[in-house]
Amino acid sequence: MGRVINTNEPGKRRSYHMRTIAEIVRALGQKQEVDDDVRDMCATIVLSLRDIHETVEESIKAWEKRNYWKKADDFQEQWYWASQTADQFEKLIREENWDELPAMMMRLYPRIADIEINKSMRSADVWAGNYDRLLNV
């Protein structure tokens, strides 16, 4: 029997979510008012940031098993912003404080600035219904 290869590695999932966030922030910048689509997009940012945090935890556990304590600590420190930003975005959504959305996007921008987007790869299906999903968690 051959070796089992996991193609769903934390790094790939993290990259997917970072690109999703980058595309959403770009699309949000073109919106003029808060509608259902904007709410769904913001909820998707929260869910993606939470998924990023989970991938970071997976990587940290793997490195700690190998006694790479310093690498695990550095990595955790590098990605600490993801869970913090997710909490801030969720608070904005739950309190419907949409006036803070541009400021939140500007805080997020430096994290995604190096992601080059020539063409959007994510369709509206990626974020459709995520506002209700987030509120019902």
C-alpha atoms as a PDB file:
ATOM      1  CA  MET A   1       0.000   0.000   0.000  1.00  0.00           C
ATOM      2  CA  GLY A   2       1.240   3.474  -0.879  1.00  0.00           C
ATOM      3  CA  ARG A   3       1.866   6.367   1.403  1.00  0.00           C
ATOM      4  CA  VAL A   4      -1.107   8.599   2.273  1.00  0.00           C
ATOM      5  CA  ILE A   5      -0.447  12.229   1.395  1.00  0.00           C
ATOM      6  CA  ASN A   6      -2.513  14.957   3.001  1.00  0.00           C
ATOM      7  CA  THR A   7      -3.218  17.618   0.379  1.00  0.00           C
ATOM      8  CA  ASN A   8      -5.263  19.716   2.800  1.00  0.00           C
ATOM      9  CA  GLU A   9      -2.289  21.101   4.700  1.00  0.00           C
ATOM     10  CA  PRO A  10      -2.675  24.027   7.115  1.00  0.00           C
ATOM     11  CA  GLY A  11      -0.457  26.272   4.978  1.00  0.00           C
ATOM     12  CA  LYS A  12      -2.606  25.761   1.884  1.00  0.00           C
ATOM     13  CA  ARG A  13      -5.795  26.411   3.820  1.00  0.00           C
ATOM     14  CA  ARG A  14      -4.247  29.525   5.374  1.00  0.00           C
ATOM     15  CA  SER A  15      -3.282  30.833   1.920  1.00  0.00           C
ATOM     16  CA  TYR A  16      -6.787  30.128   0.615  1.00  0.00           C
ATOM     17  CA  HIS A  17      -8.374  32.108   3.457  1.00  0.00           C
ATOM     18  CA  MET A  18      -5.902  34.986   3.126  1.00  0.00           C
ATOM     19  CA  ARG A  19      -6.690  35.267  -0.586  1.00  0.00           C
ATOM     20  CA  THR A  20     -10.419  35.105   0.184  1.00  0.00           C
ATOM     21  CA  ILE A  21     -10.042  37.953   2.679  1.00  0.00           C
ATOM     22  CA  ALA A  22      -7.995  39.988   0.190  1.00  0.00           C
ATOM     23  CA  GLU A  23     -10.629  39.579  -2.514  1.00  0.00           C
ATOM     24  CA  ILE A  24     -13.431  40.470  -0.108  1.00  0.00           C
ATOM     25  CA  VAL A  25     -11.648  43.597   1.134  1.00  0.00           C
ATOM     26  CA  ARG A  26     -11.154  44.635  -2.484  1.00  0.00           C
ATOM     27  CA  ALA A  27     -14.856  44.060  -3.229  1.00  0.00           C
ATOM     28  CA  LEU A  28     -15.933  45.863  -0.045  1.00  0.00           C
ATOM     29  CA  GLY A  29     -13.959  48.902  -1.154  1.00  0.00           C
ATOM     30  CA  GLN A  30     -16.275  49.206  -4.146  1.00  0.00           C
ATOM     31  CA  LYS A  31     -19.492  49.059  -2.102  1.00  0.00           C
ATOM     32  CA  GLN A  32     -21.289  52.313  -1.382  1.00  0.00           C
ATOM     33  CA  GLU A  33     -23.704  51.167   1.322  1.00  0.00           C
ATOM     34  CA  VAL A  34     -24.200  48.322   3.762  1.00  0.00           C
ATOM     35  CA  ASP A  35     -26.466  45.676   2.293  1.00  0.00           C
ATOM     36  CA  ASP A  36     -26.907  41.924   2.764  1.00  0.00           C
ATOM     37  CA  ASP A  37     -23.916  41.273   0.533  1.00  0.00           C
ATOM     38  CA  VAL A  38     -21.656  43.463   2.709  1.00  0.00           C
ATOM     39  CA  ARG A  39     -22.896  41.716   5.859  1.00  0.00           C
ATOM     40  CA  ASP A  40     -22.174  38.314   4.309  1.00  0.00           C
ATOM     41  CA  MET A  41     -18.721  39.465   3.198  1.00  0.00           C
ATOM     42  CA  CYS A  42     -17.836  40.741   6.665  1.00  0.00           C
ATOM     43  CA  ALA A  43     -19.055  37.516   8.245  1.00  0.00           C
ATOM     44  CA  THR A  44     -16.888  35.586   5.785  1.00  0.00           C
ATOM     45  CA  ILE A  45     -13.877  37.609   6.898  1.00  0.00           C
ATOM     46  CA  VAL A  46     -14.600  36.587  10.501  1.00  0.00           C
ATOM     47  CA  LEU A  47     -15.019  32.926   9.578  1.00  0.00           C
ATOM     48  CA  SER A  48     -11.869  32.966   7.439  1.00  0.00           C
ATOM     49  CA  LEU A  49      -9.848  34.574  10.225  1.00  0.00           C
ATOM     50  CA  ARG A  50     -11.091  31.907  12.631  1.00  0.00           C
ATOM     51  CA  ASP A  51     -10.086  29.196  10.160  1.00  0.00           C
ATOM     52  CA  ILE A  52      -6.662  30.823   9.827  1.00  0.00           C
ATOM     53  CA  HIS A  53      -6.323  30.715  13.607  1.00  0.00           C
ATOM     54  CA  GLU A  54      -7.174  26.990  13.555  1.00  0.00           C
ATOM     55  CA  THR A  55      -4.486  26.309  10.933  1.00  0.00           C
ATOM     56  CA  VAL A  56      -1.972  28.198  13.053  1.00  0.00           C
ATOM     57  CA  GLU A  57      -2.885  26.024  16.036  1.00  0.00           C
ATOM     58  CA  GLU A  58      -2.419  22.886  13.909  1.00  0.00           C
ATOM     59  CA  SER A  59       1.030  24.014  12.806  1.00  0.00           C
ATOM     60  CA  ILE A  60       2.030  24.940  16.337  1.00  0.00           C
ATOM     61  CA  LYS A  61       0.989  21.535  17.686  1.00  0.00           C
ATOM     62  CA  ALA A  62       3.001  19.783  14.981  1.00  0.00           C
ATOM     63  CA  TRP A  63       6.119  21.824  15.776  1.00  0.00           C
ATOM     64  CA  GLU A  64       5.728  21.354  19.524  1.00  0.00           C
ATOM     65  CA  LYS A  65       5.605  17.578  19.024  1.00  0.00           C
ATOM     66  CA  ARG A  66       9.030  17.882  17.394  1.00  0.00           C
ATOM     67  CA  ASN A  67      10.278  20.164  20.195  1.00  0.00           C
ATOM     68  CA  TYR A  68      10.498  23.210  17.919  1.00  0.00           C
ATOM     69  CA  TRP A  69       9.365  25.475  20.749  1.00  0.00           C
ATOM     70  CA  LYS A  70      10.971  28.660  19.444  1.00  0.00           C
ATOM     71  CA  LYS A  71       9.575  28.184  15.946  1.00  0.00           C
ATOM     72  CA  ALA A  72       6.104  27.497  17.384  1.00  0.00           C
ATOM     73  CA  ASP A  73       6.235  30.597  19.597  1.00  0.00           C
ATOM     74  CA  ASP A  74       7.440  32.822  16.768  1.00  0.00           C
ATOM     75  CA  PHE A  75       4.746  31.503  14.455  1.00  0.00           C
ATOM     76  CA  GLN A  76       2.036  32.019  17.044  1.00  0.00           C
ATOM     77  CA  GLU A  77       3.225  35.576  17.596  1.00  0.00           C
ATOM     78  CA  GLN A  78       3.313  36.212  13.836  1.00  0.00           C
ATOM     79  CA  TRP A  79      -0.340  35.133  13.419  1.00  0.00           C
ATOM     80  CA  TYR A  80      -1.800  36.375  16.716  1.00  0.00           C
ATOM     81  CA  TRP A  81      -3.534  39.199  14.854  1.00  0.00           C
ATOM     82  CA  ALA A  82      -5.927  36.771  13.106  1.00  0.00           C
ATOM     83  CA  SER A  83      -7.955  35.803  16.172  1.00  0.00           C
ATOM     84  CA  GLN A  84      -7.803  39.337  17.534  1.00  0.00           C
ATOM     85  CA  THR A  85      -9.087  40.812  14.273  1.00  0.00           C
ATOM     86  CA  ALA A  86     -11.798  38.146  14.024  1.00  0.00           C
ATOM     87  CA  ASP A  87     -13.088  39.173  17.460  1.00  0.00           C
ATOM     88  CA  GLN A  88     -13.087  42.855  16.498  1.00  0.00           C
ATOM     89  CA  PHE A  89     -14.877  42.186  13.207  1.00  0.00           C
ATOM     90  CA  GLU A  90     -17.456  39.997  14.937  1.00  0.00           C
ATOM     91  CA  LYS A  91     -18.119  42.707  17.517  1.00  0.00           C
ATOM     92  CA  LEU A  92     -18.613  45.221  14.689  1.00  0.00           C
ATOM     93  CA  ILE A  93     -21.104  42.872  13.014  1.00  0.00           C
ATOM     94  CA  ARG A  94     -23.068  41.930  16.127  1.00  0.00           C
ATOM     95  CA  GLU A  95     -23.352  45.550  17.263  1.00  0.00           C
ATOM     96  CA  GLU A  96     -24.080  46.667  13.673  1.00  0.00           C
ATOM     97  CA  ASN A  97     -21.496  49.408  14.035  1.00  0.00           C
ATOM     98  CA  TRP A  98     -20.980  49.754  10.280  1.00  0.00           C
ATOM     99  CA  ASP A  99     -19.388  53.196  10.601  1.00  0.00           C
ATOM    100  CA  GLU A 100     -16.287  51.371  11.884  1.00  0.00           C
ATOM    101  CA  LEU A 101     -16.028  49.134   8.802  1.00  0.00           C
ATOM    102  CA  PRO A 102     -13.620  51.368   6.819  1.00  0.00           C
ATOM    103  CA  ALA A 103     -11.284  51.612   9.826  1.00  0.00           C
ATOM    104  CA  MET A 104     -11.387  47.830  10.293  1.00  0.00           C
ATOM    105  CA  MET A 105     -10.588  47.305   6.635  1.00  0.00           C
ATOM    106  CA  MET A 106      -7.622  49.672   6.930  1.00  0.00           C
ATOM    107  CA  ARG A 107      -6.311  47.695   9.922  1.00  0.00           C
ATOM    108  CA  LEU A 108      -6.612  44.517   7.887  1.00  0.00           C
ATOM    109  CA  TYR A 109      -5.053  45.946   4.730  1.00  0.00           C
ATOM    110  CA  PRO A 110      -1.358  45.706   5.772  1.00  0.00           C
ATOM    111  CA  ARG A 111      -1.847  41.964   6.376  1.00  0.00           C
ATOM    112  CA  ILE A 112      -3.138  41.374   2.845  1.00  0.00           C
ATOM    113  CA  ALA A 113      -1.239  44.067   0.932  1.00  0.00           C
ATOM    114  CA  ASP A 114       1.266  41.593  -0.506  1.00  0.00           C
ATOM    115  CA  ILE A 115      -1.449  39.385  -2.022  1.00  0.00           C
ATOM    116  CA  GLU A 116      -1.650  40.204  -5.710  1.00  0.00           C
ATOM    117  CA  ILE A 117      -5.126  39.982  -7.202  1.00  0.00           C
ATOM    118  CA  ASN A 118      -5.262  40.198 -10.970  1.00  0.00           C
ATOM    119  CA  LYS A 119      -8.614  38.487 -11.226  1.00  0.00           C
ATOM    120  CA  SER A 120     -11.147  37.601  -8.541  1.00  0.00           C
ATOM    121  CA  MET A 121     -11.330  33.858  -8.111  1.00  0.00           C
ATOM    122  CA  ARG A 122     -14.053  33.779  -5.448  1.00  0.00           C
ATOM    123  CA  SER A 123     -17.695  33.975  -6.411  1.00  0.00           C
ATOM    124  CA  ALA A 124     -20.486  35.348  -4.250  1.00  0.00           C
ATOM    125  CA  ASP A 125     -21.289  31.746  -3.312  1.00  0.00           C
ATOM    126  CA  VAL A 126     -18.269  31.806  -0.987  1.00  0.00           C
ATOM    127  CA  TRP A 127     -19.868  34.398   1.289  1.00  0.00           C
ATOM    128  CA  ALA A 128     -23.583  33.900   0.608  1.00  0.00           C
ATOM    129  CA  GLY A 129     -25.442  33.216   3.858  1.00  0.00           C
ATOM    130  CA  ASN A 130     -22.423  33.603   6.131  1.00  0.00           C
ATOM    131  CA  TYR A 131     -23.965  36.511   8.047  1.00  0.00           C
ATOM    132  CA  ASP A 132     -26.786  34.281   9.304  1.00  0.00           C
ATOM    133  CA  ARG A 133     -24.328  31.446   9.886  1.00  0.00           C
ATOM    134  CA  LEU A 134     -22.122  33.687  12.049  1.00  0.00           C
ATOM    135  CA  LEU A 135     -25.010  35.076  14.086  1.00  0.00           C
ATOM    136  CA  ASN A 136     -26.380  31.597  14.757  1.00  0.00           C
ATOM    137  CA  VAL A 137     -23.109  30.199  16.083  1.00  0.00           C
END
